[in-house]
Amino acid sequence: MSQEKNKWIAPTPEPPYYAVIFSSVQSDTIEGYDAMAERMEQLAKDQKGFLGMESARQELGITVSYWESLEAIKLWKYNSAHSVARERGKNEWYKAFKVRICKVEKDYDFEN
C-alpha cells in the first residue's frame, strides 16, 4: 500500500483482528474536545495490541480503531485517561454515540 494511502487508511495485518466502531453526534459544547481527541489517539497508539485507526466527521463522526484481540480492547476501555475522556464525552461533547465491536474475518483492498 502506498504511503499516501496509509495517511488515510490504516494498514492492518492479515485477519482475524478486531475493529471498534465508534459512531457519534457531537453536542454544541466542544471546548476541549480536539485536544482530548488528539491525546486519546496518541494514547491508543501506545496501547499494547493497537493496530491502527481511521476517522471521519461531518454531522456524524465515525472512528474505527483496529486491535489484535478482545483483551487489548478491554484494556483500552479501562485505561484511566480513556475513562476520563469517555465521561467528559457523555457529559459534555456528545448528544449520542454507539460503540460496536466486530471481528474482522476477511479484508481486501484496492490501490490505483
PDB file of N, CA and C in Angstrom:
ATOM      1  N   MET A   1       0.844  -1.169   0.000  1.00  0.00           N
ATOM      2  CA  MET A   1       0.000   0.000   0.000  1.00  0.00           C
ATOM      3  C   MET A   1       0.894   1.239   0.000  1.00  0.00           C
ATOM      4  N   SER A   2       0.540   2.262  -0.726  1.00  0.00           N
ATOM      5  CA  SER A   2       1.378   3.450  -0.842  1.00  0.00           C
ATOM      6  C   SER A   2       1.355   4.271   0.443  1.00  0.00           C
ATOM      7  N   GLN A   3       2.390   5.083   0.639  1.00  0.00           N
ATOM      8  CA  GLN A   3       2.456   5.957   1.815  1.00  0.00           C
ATOM      9  C   GLN A   3       1.294   6.937   1.819  1.00  0.00           C
ATOM     10  N   GLU A   4       0.943   7.496   0.656  1.00  0.00           N
ATOM     11  CA  GLU A   4      -0.156   8.452   0.585  1.00  0.00           C
ATOM     12  C   GLU A   4      -1.447   7.816   1.072  1.00  0.00           C
ATOM     13  N   LYS A   5      -1.729   6.597   0.649  1.00  0.00           N
ATOM     14  CA  LYS A   5      -2.951   5.926   1.074  1.00  0.00           C
ATOM     15  C   LYS A   5      -2.917   5.634   2.570  1.00  0.00           C
ATOM     16  N   ASN A   6      -1.755   5.260   3.102  1.00  0.00           N
ATOM     17  CA  ASN A   6      -1.649   4.965   4.527  1.00  0.00           C
ATOM     18  C   ASN A   6      -1.964   6.165   5.402  1.00  0.00           C
ATOM     19  N   LYS A   7      -1.890   7.357   4.845  1.00  0.00           N
ATOM     20  CA  LYS A   7      -2.237   8.547   5.605  1.00  0.00           C
ATOM     21  C   LYS A   7      -3.717   8.529   5.988  1.00  0.00           C
ATOM     22  N   TRP A   8      -4.539   7.875   5.198  1.00  0.00           N
ATOM     23  CA  TRP A   8      -5.991   7.860   5.411  1.00  0.00           C
ATOM     24  C   TRP A   8      -6.518   6.493   5.813  1.00  0.00           C
ATOM     25  N   ILE A   9      -5.944   5.440   5.274  1.00  0.00           N
ATOM     26  CA  ILE A   9      -6.437   4.082   5.531  1.00  0.00           C
ATOM     27  C   ILE A   9      -5.404   3.336   6.367  1.00  0.00           C
ATOM     28  N   ALA A  10      -5.843   2.865   7.514  1.00  0.00           N
ATOM     29  CA  ALA A  10      -4.926   2.179   8.432  1.00  0.00           C
ATOM     30  C   ALA A  10      -4.448   0.861   7.834  1.00  0.00           C
ATOM     31  N   PRO A  11      -3.155   0.618   7.853  1.00  0.00           N
ATOM     32  CA  PRO A  11      -2.654  -0.697   7.435  1.00  0.00           C
ATOM     33  C   PRO A  11      -2.985  -1.703   8.532  1.00  0.00           C
ATOM     34  N   THR A  12      -3.493  -2.830   8.169  1.00  0.00           N
ATOM     35  CA  THR A  12      -3.858  -3.859   9.148  1.00  0.00           C
ATOM     36  C   THR A  12      -3.236  -5.184   8.742  1.00  0.00           C
ATOM     37  N   PRO A  13      -3.056  -6.081   9.705  1.00  0.00           N
ATOM     38  CA  PRO A  13      -2.460  -7.386   9.397  1.00  0.00           C
ATOM     39  C   PRO A  13      -3.478  -8.308   8.723  1.00  0.00           C
ATOM     40  N   GLU A  14      -3.037  -9.476   8.400  1.00  0.00           N
ATOM     41  CA  GLU A  14      -3.959 -10.491   7.893  1.00  0.00           C
ATOM     42  C   GLU A  14      -4.986 -10.798   8.976  1.00  0.00           C
ATOM     43  N   PRO A  15      -6.256 -10.932   8.609  1.00  0.00           N
ATOM     44  CA  PRO A  15      -7.279 -11.293   9.601  1.00  0.00           C
ATOM     45  C   PRO A  15      -6.993 -12.674  10.178  1.00  0.00           C
ATOM     46  N   PRO A  16      -7.529 -12.939  11.351  1.00  0.00           N
ATOM     47  CA  PRO A  16      -8.509 -12.143  12.079  1.00  0.00           C
ATOM     48  C   PRO A  16      -7.864 -11.083  12.965  1.00  0.00           C
ATOM     49  N   TYR A  17      -8.594  -9.999  13.155  1.00  0.00           N
ATOM     50  CA  TYR A  17      -8.296  -8.954  14.120  1.00  0.00           C
ATOM     51  C   TYR A  17      -9.642  -8.311  14.455  1.00  0.00           C
ATOM     52  N   TYR A  18      -9.635  -7.296  15.287  1.00  0.00           N
ATOM     53  CA  TYR A  18     -10.903  -6.720  15.751  1.00  0.00           C
ATOM     54  C   TYR A  18     -10.996  -5.238  15.391  1.00  0.00           C
ATOM     55  N   ALA A  19     -12.224  -4.783  15.198  1.00  0.00           N
ATOM     56  CA  ALA A  19     -12.500  -3.377  14.926  1.00  0.00           C
ATOM     57  C   ALA A  19     -13.486  -2.862  15.967  1.00  0.00           C
ATOM     58  N   VAL A  20     -13.204  -1.668  16.483  1.00  0.00           N
ATOM     59  CA  VAL A  20     -14.131  -0.965  17.354  1.00  0.00           C
ATOM     60  C   VAL A  20     -14.643   0.222  16.546  1.00  0.00           C
ATOM     61  N   ILE A  21     -15.935   0.243  16.299  1.00  0.00           N
ATOM     62  CA  ILE A  21     -16.559   1.314  15.523  1.00  0.00           C
ATOM     63  C   ILE A  21     -17.273   2.236  16.501  1.00  0.00           C
ATOM     64  N   PHE A  22     -16.832   3.484  16.530  1.00  0.00           N
ATOM     65  CA  PHE A  22     -17.402   4.487  17.424  1.00  0.00           C
ATOM     66  C   PHE A  22     -18.110   5.532  16.559  1.00  0.00           C
ATOM     67  N   SER A  23     -19.436   5.523  16.592  1.00  0.00           N
ATOM     68  CA  SER A  23     -20.250   6.481  15.840  1.00  0.00           C
ATOM     69  C   SER A  23     -20.796   7.499  16.832  1.00  0.00           C
ATOM     70  N   SER A  24     -20.713   8.797  16.475  1.00  0.00           N
ATOM     71  CA  SER A  24     -21.119   9.819  17.435  1.00  0.00           C
ATOM     72  C   SER A  24     -21.725  11.043  16.760  1.00  0.00           C
ATOM     73  N   VAL A  25     -22.551  11.733  17.551  1.00  0.00           N
ATOM     74  CA  VAL A  25     -23.111  13.024  17.172  1.00  0.00           C
ATOM     75  C   VAL A  25     -22.692  13.994  18.265  1.00  0.00           C
ATOM     76  N   GLN A  26     -21.978  15.047  17.885  1.00  0.00           N
ATOM     77  CA  GLN A  26     -21.479  15.994  18.878  1.00  0.00           C
ATOM     78  C   GLN A  26     -22.579  16.926  19.372  1.00  0.00           C
ATOM     79  N   SER A  27     -22.402  17.368  20.600  1.00  0.00           N
ATOM     80  CA  SER A  27     -23.269  18.397  21.172  1.00  0.00           C
ATOM     81  C   SER A  27     -22.766  19.758  20.695  1.00  0.00           C
ATOM     82  N   ASP A  28     -23.386  20.808  21.166  1.00  0.00           N
ATOM     83  CA  ASP A  28     -22.937  22.154  20.829  1.00  0.00           C
ATOM     84  C   ASP A  28     -21.727  22.571  21.657  1.00  0.00           C
ATOM     85  N   THR A  29     -21.447  21.835  22.722  1.00  0.00           N
ATOM     86  CA  THR A  29     -20.307  22.124  23.594  1.00  0.00           C
ATOM     87  C   THR A  29     -19.134  21.259  23.165  1.00  0.00           C
ATOM     88  N   ILE A  30     -18.133  21.884  22.535  1.00  0.00           N
ATOM     89  CA  ILE A  30     -16.981  21.098  22.075  1.00  0.00           C
ATOM     90  C   ILE A  30     -15.655  21.625  22.620  1.00  0.00           C
ATOM     91  N   GLU A  31     -15.716  22.562  23.555  1.00  0.00           N
ATOM     92  CA  GLU A  31     -14.485  23.108  24.129  1.00  0.00           C
ATOM     93  C   GLU A  31     -13.666  21.986  24.763  1.00  0.00           C
ATOM     94  N   GLY A  32     -12.413  21.894  24.347  1.00  0.00           N
ATOM     95  CA  GLY A  32     -11.513  20.877  24.860  1.00  0.00           C
ATOM     96  C   GLY A  32     -11.561  19.557  24.113  1.00  0.00           C
ATOM     97  N   TYR A  33     -12.525  19.415  23.215  1.00  0.00           N
ATOM     98  CA  TYR A  33     -12.708  18.139  22.515  1.00  0.00           C
ATOM     99  C   TYR A  33     -11.504  17.783  21.634  1.00  0.00           C
ATOM    100  N   ASP A  34     -11.054  18.732  20.799  1.00  0.00           N
ATOM    101  CA  ASP A  34      -9.972  18.430  19.860  1.00  0.00           C
ATOM    102  C   ASP A  34      -8.689  18.017  20.582  1.00  0.00           C
ATOM    103  N   ALA A  35      -8.361  18.727  21.651  1.00  0.00           N
ATOM    104  CA  ALA A  35      -7.157  18.381  22.411  1.00  0.00           C
ATOM    105  C   ALA A  35      -7.282  16.986  23.026  1.00  0.00           C
ATOM    106  N   MET A  36      -8.467  16.667  23.554  1.00  0.00           N
ATOM    107  CA  MET A  36      -8.666  15.342  24.146  1.00  0.00           C
ATOM    108  C   MET A  36      -8.621  14.261  23.073  1.00  0.00           C
ATOM    109  N   ALA A  37      -9.205  14.523  21.918  1.00  0.00           N
ATOM    110  CA  ALA A  37      -9.191  13.537  20.826  1.00  0.00           C
ATOM    111  C   ALA A  37      -7.757  13.241  20.394  1.00  0.00           C
ATOM    112  N   GLU A  38      -6.930  14.279  20.288  1.00  0.00           N
ATOM    113  CA  GLU A  38      -5.522  14.077  19.929  1.00  0.00           C
ATOM    114  C   GLU A  38      -4.797  13.269  20.997  1.00  0.00           C
ATOM    115  N   ARG A  39      -5.075  13.575  22.247  1.00  0.00           N
ATOM    116  CA  ARG A  39      -4.442  12.841  23.354  1.00  0.00           C
ATOM    117  C   ARG A  39      -4.855  11.370  23.338  1.00  0.00           C
ATOM    118  N   MET A  40      -6.152  11.105  23.105  1.00  0.00           N
ATOM    119  CA  MET A  40      -6.639   9.725  23.085  1.00  0.00           C
ATOM    120  C   MET A  40      -6.030   8.949  21.918  1.00  0.00           C
ATOM    121  N   GLU A  41      -5.883   9.608  20.767  1.00  0.00           N
ATOM    122  CA  GLU A  41      -5.268   8.933  19.616  1.00  0.00           C
ATOM    123  C   GLU A  41      -3.827   8.535  19.952  1.00  0.00           C
ATOM    124  N   GLN A  42      -3.079   9.435  20.567  1.00  0.00           N
ATOM    125  CA  GLN A  42      -1.699   9.109  20.926  1.00  0.00           C
ATOM    126  C   GLN A  42      -1.639   8.005  21.972  1.00  0.00           C
ATOM    127  N   LEU A  43      -2.507   8.063  22.972  1.00  0.00           N
ATOM    128  CA  LEU A  43      -2.536   7.010  23.989  1.00  0.00           C
ATOM    129  C   LEU A  43      -2.912   5.660  23.388  1.00  0.00           C
ATOM    130  N   ALA A  44      -3.879   5.662  22.475  1.00  0.00           N
ATOM    131  CA  ALA A  44      -4.279   4.404  21.827  1.00  0.00           C
ATOM    132  C   ALA A  44      -3.112   3.816  21.047  1.00  0.00           C
ATOM    133  N   LYS A  45      -2.381   4.673  20.335  1.00  0.00           N
ATOM    134  CA  LYS A  45      -1.229   4.198  19.553  1.00  0.00           C
ATOM    135  C   LYS A  45      -0.179   3.534  20.445  1.00  0.00           C
ATOM    136  N   ASP A  46      -0.082   3.990  21.686  1.00  0.00           N
ATOM    137  CA  ASP A  46       0.888   3.429  22.629  1.00  0.00           C
ATOM    138  C   ASP A  46       0.364   2.189  23.351  1.00  0.00           C
ATOM    139  N   GLN A  47      -0.919   1.893  23.193  1.00  0.00           N
ATOM    140  CA  GLN A  47      -1.558   0.771  23.890  1.00  0.00           C
ATOM    141  C   GLN A  47      -1.170  -0.553  23.227  1.00  0.00           C
ATOM    142  N   LYS A  48      -0.812  -1.533  24.032  1.00  0.00           N
ATOM    143  CA  LYS A  48      -0.484  -2.869  23.513  1.00  0.00           C
ATOM    144  C   LYS A  48      -1.685  -3.424  22.742  1.00  0.00           C
ATOM    145  N   GLY A  49      -1.442  -3.930  21.552  1.00  0.00           N
ATOM    146  CA  GLY A  49      -2.497  -4.533  20.749  1.00  0.00           C
ATOM    147  C   GLY A  49      -3.168  -3.591  19.769  1.00  0.00           C
ATOM    148  N   PHE A  50      -2.826  -2.293  19.799  1.00  0.00           N
ATOM    149  CA  PHE A  50      -3.406  -1.325  18.860  1.00  0.00           C
ATOM    150  C   PHE A  50      -2.791  -1.534  17.478  1.00  0.00           C
ATOM    151  N   LEU A  51      -3.644  -1.537  16.433  1.00  0.00           N
ATOM    152  CA  LEU A  51      -3.171  -1.757  15.073  1.00  0.00           C
ATOM    153  C   LEU A  51      -3.296  -0.531  14.175  1.00  0.00           C
ATOM    154  N   GLY A  52      -4.262   0.324  14.430  1.00  0.00           N
ATOM    155  CA  GLY A  52      -4.453   1.492  13.580  1.00  0.00           C
ATOM    156  C   GLY A  52      -5.809   2.116  13.811  1.00  0.00           C
ATOM    157  N   MET A  53      -6.039   3.245  13.102  1.00  0.00           N
ATOM    158  CA  MET A  53      -7.276   3.993  13.307  1.00  0.00           C
ATOM    159  C   MET A  53      -7.624   4.780  12.054  1.00  0.00           C
ATOM    160  N   GLU A  54      -8.928   4.928  11.816  1.00  0.00           N
ATOM    161  CA  GLU A  54      -9.451   5.774  10.741  1.00  0.00           C
ATOM    162  C   GLU A  54     -10.599   6.587  11.315  1.00  0.00           C
ATOM    163  N   SER A  55     -10.723   7.836  10.865  1.00  0.00           N
ATOM    164  CA  SER A  55     -11.759   8.691  11.424  1.00  0.00           C
ATOM    165  C   SER A  55     -12.270   9.673  10.386  1.00  0.00           C
ATOM    166  N   ALA A  56     -13.568   9.972  10.469  1.00  0.00           N
ATOM    167  CA  ALA A  56     -14.194  10.975   9.598  1.00  0.00           C
ATOM    168  C   ALA A  56     -15.299  11.647  10.396  1.00  0.00           C
ATOM    169  N   ARG A  57     -15.492  12.939  10.133  1.00  0.00           N
ATOM    170  CA  ARG A  57     -16.537  13.659  10.861  1.00  0.00           C
ATOM    171  C   ARG A  57     -17.192  14.673   9.948  1.00  0.00           C
ATOM    172  N   GLN A  58     -18.516  14.606   9.925  1.00  0.00           N
ATOM    173  CA  GLN A  58     -19.345  15.673   9.396  1.00  0.00           C
ATOM    174  C   GLN A  58     -20.463  15.814  10.416  1.00  0.00           C
ATOM    175  N   GLU A  59     -21.714  15.593  10.026  1.00  0.00           N
ATOM    176  CA  GLU A  59     -22.783  15.586  11.031  1.00  0.00           C
ATOM    177  C   GLU A  59     -22.622  14.383  11.958  1.00  0.00           C
ATOM    178  N   LEU A  60     -22.208  13.277  11.383  1.00  0.00           N
ATOM    179  CA  LEU A  60     -21.962  12.039  12.120  1.00  0.00           C
ATOM    180  C   LEU A  60     -20.466  11.776  12.126  1.00  0.00           C
ATOM    181  N   GLY A  61     -19.899  11.542  13.301  1.00  0.00           N
ATOM    182  CA  GLY A  61     -18.497  11.172  13.390  1.00  0.00           C
ATOM    183  C   GLY A  61     -18.380   9.666  13.472  1.00  0.00           C
ATOM    184  N   ILE A  62     -17.423   9.124  12.737  1.00  0.00           N
ATOM    185  CA  ILE A  62     -17.158   7.686  12.798  1.00  0.00           C
ATOM    186  C   ILE A  62     -15.659   7.486  12.947  1.00  0.00           C
ATOM    187  N   THR A  63     -15.284   6.799  14.005  1.00  0.00           N
ATOM    188  CA  THR A  63     -13.893   6.421  14.211  1.00  0.00           C
ATOM    189  C   THR A  63     -13.847   4.912  14.340  1.00  0.00           C
ATOM    190  N   VAL A  64     -12.973   4.303  13.562  1.00  0.00           N
ATOM    191  CA  VAL A  64     -12.779   2.857  13.632  1.00  0.00           C
ATOM    192  C   VAL A  64     -11.346   2.630  14.096  1.00  0.00           C
ATOM    193  N   SER A  65     -11.206   1.914  15.194  1.00  0.00           N
ATOM    194  CA  SER A  65      -9.869   1.532  15.651  1.00  0.00           C
ATOM    195  C   SER A  65      -9.739   0.015  15.505  1.00  0.00           C
ATOM    196  N   TYR A  66      -8.521  -0.411  15.215  1.00  0.00           N
ATOM    197  CA  TYR A  66      -8.254  -1.830  14.956  1.00  0.00           C
ATOM    198  C   TYR A  66      -7.336  -2.372  16.047  1.00  0.00           C
ATOM    199  N   TRP A  67      -7.644  -3.601  16.482  1.00  0.00           N
ATOM    200  CA  TRP A  67      -6.977  -4.193  17.633  1.00  0.00           C
ATOM    201  C   TRP A  67      -6.655  -5.659  17.377  1.00  0.00           C
ATOM    202  N   GLU A  68      -5.595  -6.135  18.026  1.00  0.00           N
ATOM    203  CA  GLU A  68      -5.185  -7.535  17.894  1.00  0.00           C
ATOM    204  C   GLU A  68      -6.159  -8.504  18.552  1.00  0.00           C
ATOM    205  N   SER A  69      -6.792  -8.066  19.660  1.00  0.00           N
ATOM    206  CA  SER A  69      -7.598  -9.012  20.448  1.00  0.00           C
ATOM    207  C   SER A  69      -8.684  -8.294  21.232  1.00  0.00           C
ATOM    208  N   LEU A  70      -9.642  -9.071  21.712  1.00  0.00           N
ATOM    209  CA  LEU A  70     -10.667  -8.519  22.600  1.00  0.00           C
ATOM    210  C   LEU A  70     -10.045  -8.062  23.920  1.00  0.00           C
ATOM    211  N   GLU A  71      -9.020  -8.756  24.364  1.00  0.00           N
ATOM    212  CA  GLU A  71      -8.329  -8.360  25.599  1.00  0.00           C
ATOM    213  C   GLU A  71      -7.696  -6.977  25.442  1.00  0.00           C
ATOM    214  N   ALA A  72      -7.074  -6.699  24.295  1.00  0.00           N
ATOM    215  CA  ALA A  72      -6.477  -5.378  24.054  1.00  0.00           C
ATOM    216  C   ALA A  72      -7.551  -4.294  24.081  1.00  0.00           C
ATOM    217  N   ILE A  73      -8.718  -4.590  23.508  1.00  0.00           N
ATOM    218  CA  ILE A  73      -9.840  -3.638  23.515  1.00  0.00           C
ATOM    219  C   ILE A  73     -10.292  -3.382  24.949  1.00  0.00           C
ATOM    220  N   LYS A  74     -10.387  -4.434  25.731  1.00  0.00           N
ATOM    221  CA  LYS A  74     -10.816  -4.293  27.127  1.00  0.00           C
ATOM    222  C   LYS A  74      -9.820  -3.448  27.921  1.00  0.00           C
ATOM    223  N   LEU A  75      -8.530  -3.677  27.713  1.00  0.00           N
ATOM    224  CA  LEU A  75      -7.511  -2.879  28.404  1.00  0.00           C
ATOM    225  C   LEU A  75      -7.613  -1.408  28.018  1.00  0.00           C
ATOM    226  N   TRP A  76      -7.888  -1.136  26.746  1.00  0.00           N
ATOM    227  CA  TRP A  76      -8.059   0.247  26.296  1.00  0.00           C
ATOM    228  C   TRP A  76      -9.294   0.871  26.945  1.00  0.00           C
ATOM    229  N   LYS A  77     -10.384   0.124  26.994  1.00  0.00           N
ATOM    230  CA  LYS A  77     -11.612   0.656  27.587  1.00  0.00           C
ATOM    231  C   LYS A  77     -11.364   1.108  29.021  1.00  0.00           C
ATOM    232  N   TYR A  78     -10.582   0.352  29.768  1.00  0.00           N
ATOM    233  CA  TYR A  78     -10.370   0.658  31.177  1.00  0.00           C
ATOM    234  C   TYR A  78      -9.104   1.473  31.445  1.00  0.00           C
ATOM    235  N   ASN A  79      -8.446   1.959  30.409  1.00  0.00           N
ATOM    236  CA  ASN A  79      -7.336   2.891  30.583  1.00  0.00           C
ATOM    237  C   ASN A  79      -7.879   4.110  31.320  1.00  0.00           C
ATOM    238  N   SER A  80      -7.202   4.557  32.386  1.00  0.00           N
ATOM    239  CA  SER A  80      -7.758   5.615  33.235  1.00  0.00           C
ATOM    240  C   SER A  80      -7.986   6.928  32.485  1.00  0.00           C
ATOM    241  N   ALA A  81      -7.068   7.323  31.621  1.00  0.00           N
ATOM    242  CA  ALA A  81      -7.249   8.559  30.856  1.00  0.00           C
ATOM    243  C   ALA A  81      -8.409   8.419  29.868  1.00  0.00           C
ATOM    244  N   HIS A  82      -8.543   7.251  29.281  1.00  0.00           N
ATOM    245  CA  HIS A  82      -9.648   6.993  28.354  1.00  0.00           C
ATOM    246  C   HIS A  82     -10.983   7.029  29.101  1.00  0.00           C
ATOM    247  N   SER A  83     -10.990   6.520  30.327  1.00  0.00           N
ATOM    248  CA  SER A  83     -12.218   6.557  31.136  1.00  0.00           C
ATOM    249  C   SER A  83     -12.646   7.996  31.416  1.00  0.00           C
ATOM    250  N   VAL A  84     -11.686   8.871  31.708  1.00  0.00           N
ATOM    251  CA  VAL A  84     -11.989  10.296  31.921  1.00  0.00           C
ATOM    252  C   VAL A  84     -12.565  10.902  30.648  1.00  0.00           C
ATOM    253  N   ALA A  85     -11.952  10.597  29.504  1.00  0.00           N
ATOM    254  CA  ALA A  85     -12.435  11.126  28.220  1.00  0.00           C
ATOM    255  C   ALA A  85     -13.854  10.633  27.927  1.00  0.00           C
ATOM    256  N   ARG A  86     -14.137   9.374  28.217  1.00  0.00           N
ATOM    257  CA  ARG A  86     -15.490   8.837  27.982  1.00  0.00           C
ATOM    258  C   ARG A  86     -16.518   9.592  28.818  1.00  0.00           C
ATOM    259  N   GLU A  87     -16.198   9.843  30.081  1.00  0.00           N
ATOM    260  CA  GLU A  87     -17.134  10.565  30.950  1.00  0.00           C
ATOM    261  C   GLU A  87     -17.363  11.989  30.462  1.00  0.00           C
ATOM    262  N   ARG A  88     -16.289  12.662  30.061  1.00  0.00           N
ATOM    263  CA  ARG A  88     -16.463  14.020  29.519  1.00  0.00           C
ATOM    264  C   ARG A  88     -17.297  13.974  28.247  1.00  0.00           C
ATOM    265  N   GLY A  89     -17.085  12.943  27.437  1.00  0.00           N
ATOM    266  CA  GLY A  89     -17.889  12.794  26.223  1.00  0.00           C
ATOM    267  C   GLY A  89     -19.364  12.677  26.544  1.00  0.00           C
ATOM    268  N   LYS A  90     -19.696  11.848  27.519  1.00  0.00           N
ATOM    269  CA  LYS A  90     -21.100  11.665  27.923  1.00  0.00           C
ATOM    270  C   LYS A  90     -21.692  12.946  28.501  1.00  0.00           C
ATOM    271  N   ASN A  91     -20.885  13.662  29.287  1.00  0.00           N
ATOM    272  CA  ASN A  91     -21.386  14.839  29.998  1.00  0.00           C
ATOM    273  C   ASN A  91     -21.320  16.135  29.207  1.00  0.00           C
ATOM    274  N   GLU A  92     -20.424  16.212  28.210  1.00  0.00           N
ATOM    275  CA  GLU A  92     -20.207  17.486  27.530  1.00  0.00           C
ATOM    276  C   GLU A  92     -20.295  17.417  26.001  1.00  0.00           C
ATOM    277  N   TRP A  93     -19.588  16.474  25.386  1.00  0.00           N
ATOM    278  CA  TRP A  93     -19.297  16.573  23.959  1.00  0.00           C
ATOM    279  C   TRP A  93     -20.259  15.848  23.024  1.00  0.00           C
ATOM    280  N   TYR A  94     -21.014  14.891  23.509  1.00  0.00           N
ATOM    281  CA  TYR A  94     -21.850  14.092  22.618  1.00  0.00           C
ATOM    282  C   TYR A  94     -23.332  14.201  22.937  1.00  0.00           C
ATOM    283  N   LYS A  95     -24.121  14.295  21.884  1.00  0.00           N
ATOM    284  CA  LYS A  95     -25.574  14.142  22.014  1.00  0.00           C
ATOM    285  C   LYS A  95     -25.893  12.655  22.087  1.00  0.00           C
ATOM    286  N   ALA A  96     -25.140  11.878  21.308  1.00  0.00           N
ATOM    287  CA  ALA A  96     -25.361  10.427  21.263  1.00  0.00           C
ATOM    288  C   ALA A  96     -24.112   9.755  20.709  1.00  0.00           C
ATOM    289  N   PHE A  97     -23.916   8.498  21.114  1.00  0.00           N
ATOM    290  CA  PHE A  97     -22.880   7.685  20.475  1.00  0.00           C
ATOM    291  C   PHE A  97     -23.232   6.217  20.600  1.00  0.00           C
ATOM    292  N   LYS A  98     -22.597   5.422  19.772  1.00  0.00           N
ATOM    293  CA  LYS A  98     -22.771   3.968  19.803  1.00  0.00           C
ATOM    294  C   LYS A  98     -21.407   3.346  19.526  1.00  0.00           C
ATOM    295  N   VAL A  99     -21.095   2.274  20.249  1.00  0.00           N
ATOM    296  CA  VAL A  99     -19.859   1.526  20.067  1.00  0.00           C
ATOM    297  C   VAL A  99     -20.212   0.129  19.594  1.00  0.00           C
ATOM    298  N   ARG A 100     -19.540  -0.303  18.547  1.00  0.00           N
ATOM    299  CA  ARG A 100     -19.724  -1.664  18.027  1.00  0.00           C
ATOM    300  C   ARG A 100     -18.346  -2.329  17.976  1.00  0.00           C
ATOM    301  N   ILE A 101     -18.275  -3.575  18.423  1.00  0.00           N
ATOM    302  CA  ILE A 101     -17.024  -4.321  18.401  1.00  0.00           C
ATOM    303  C   ILE A 101     -17.222  -5.510  17.478  1.00  0.00           C
ATOM    304  N   CYS A 102     -16.339  -5.610  16.487  1.00  0.00           N
ATOM    305  CA  CYS A 102     -16.502  -6.618  15.431  1.00  0.00           C
ATOM    306  C   CYS A 102     -15.214  -7.408  15.238  1.00  0.00           C
ATOM    307  N   LYS A 103     -15.370  -8.662  14.880  1.00  0.00           N
ATOM    308  CA  LYS A 103     -14.223  -9.473  14.493  1.00  0.00           C
ATOM    309  C   LYS A 103     -14.103  -9.392  12.969  1.00  0.00           C
ATOM    310  N   VAL A 104     -12.943  -8.945  12.500  1.00  0.00           N
ATOM    311  CA  VAL A 104     -12.695  -8.874  11.053  1.00  0.00           C
ATOM    312  C   VAL A 104     -12.163 -10.231  10.616  1.00  0.00           C
ATOM    313  N   GLU A 105     -12.916 -10.888   9.771  1.00  0.00           N
ATOM    314  CA  GLU A 105     -12.526 -12.217   9.312  1.00  0.00           C
ATOM    315  C   GLU A 105     -11.941 -12.199   7.908  1.00  0.00           C
ATOM    316  N   LYS A 106     -12.236 -11.121   7.177  1.00  0.00           N
ATOM    317  CA  LYS A 106     -11.720 -11.004   5.816  1.00  0.00           C
ATOM    318  C   LYS A 106     -11.587  -9.532   5.490  1.00  0.00           C
ATOM    319  N   ASP A 107     -10.528  -9.186   4.773  1.00  0.00           N
ATOM    320  CA  ASP A 107     -10.419  -7.837   4.231  1.00  0.00           C
ATOM    321  C   ASP A 107      -9.704  -7.908   2.879  1.00  0.00           C
ATOM    322  N   TYR A 108      -9.888  -6.876   2.098  1.00  0.00           N
ATOM    323  CA  TYR A 108      -9.188  -6.753   0.823  1.00  0.00           C
ATOM    324  C   TYR A 108      -9.082  -5.274   0.502  1.00  0.00           C
ATOM    325  N   ASP A 109      -8.207  -4.958  -0.438  1.00  0.00           N
ATOM    326  CA  ASP A 109      -8.012  -3.542  -0.755  1.00  0.00           C
ATOM    327  C   ASP A 109      -7.824  -3.329  -2.242  1.00  0.00           C
ATOM    328  N   PHE A 110      -7.774  -2.079  -2.593  1.00  0.00           N
ATOM    329  CA  PHE A 110      -7.567  -1.642  -3.970  1.00  0.00           C
ATOM    330  C   PHE A 110      -6.643  -0.443  -3.930  1.00  0.00           C
ATOM    331  N   GLU A 111      -5.748  -0.375  -4.858  1.00  0.00           N
ATOM    332  CA  GLU A 111      -4.878   0.786  -4.996  1.00  0.00           C
ATOM    333  C   GLU A 111      -4.702   1.077  -6.468  1.00  0.00           C
ATOM    334  N   ASN A 112      -4.868   2.331  -6.840  1.00  0.00           N
ATOM    335  CA  ASN A 112      -4.724   2.739  -8.247  1.00  0.00           C
ATOM    336  C   ASN A 112      -3.517   3.595  -8.391  1.00  0.00           C
TER     337      ASN A 112
END
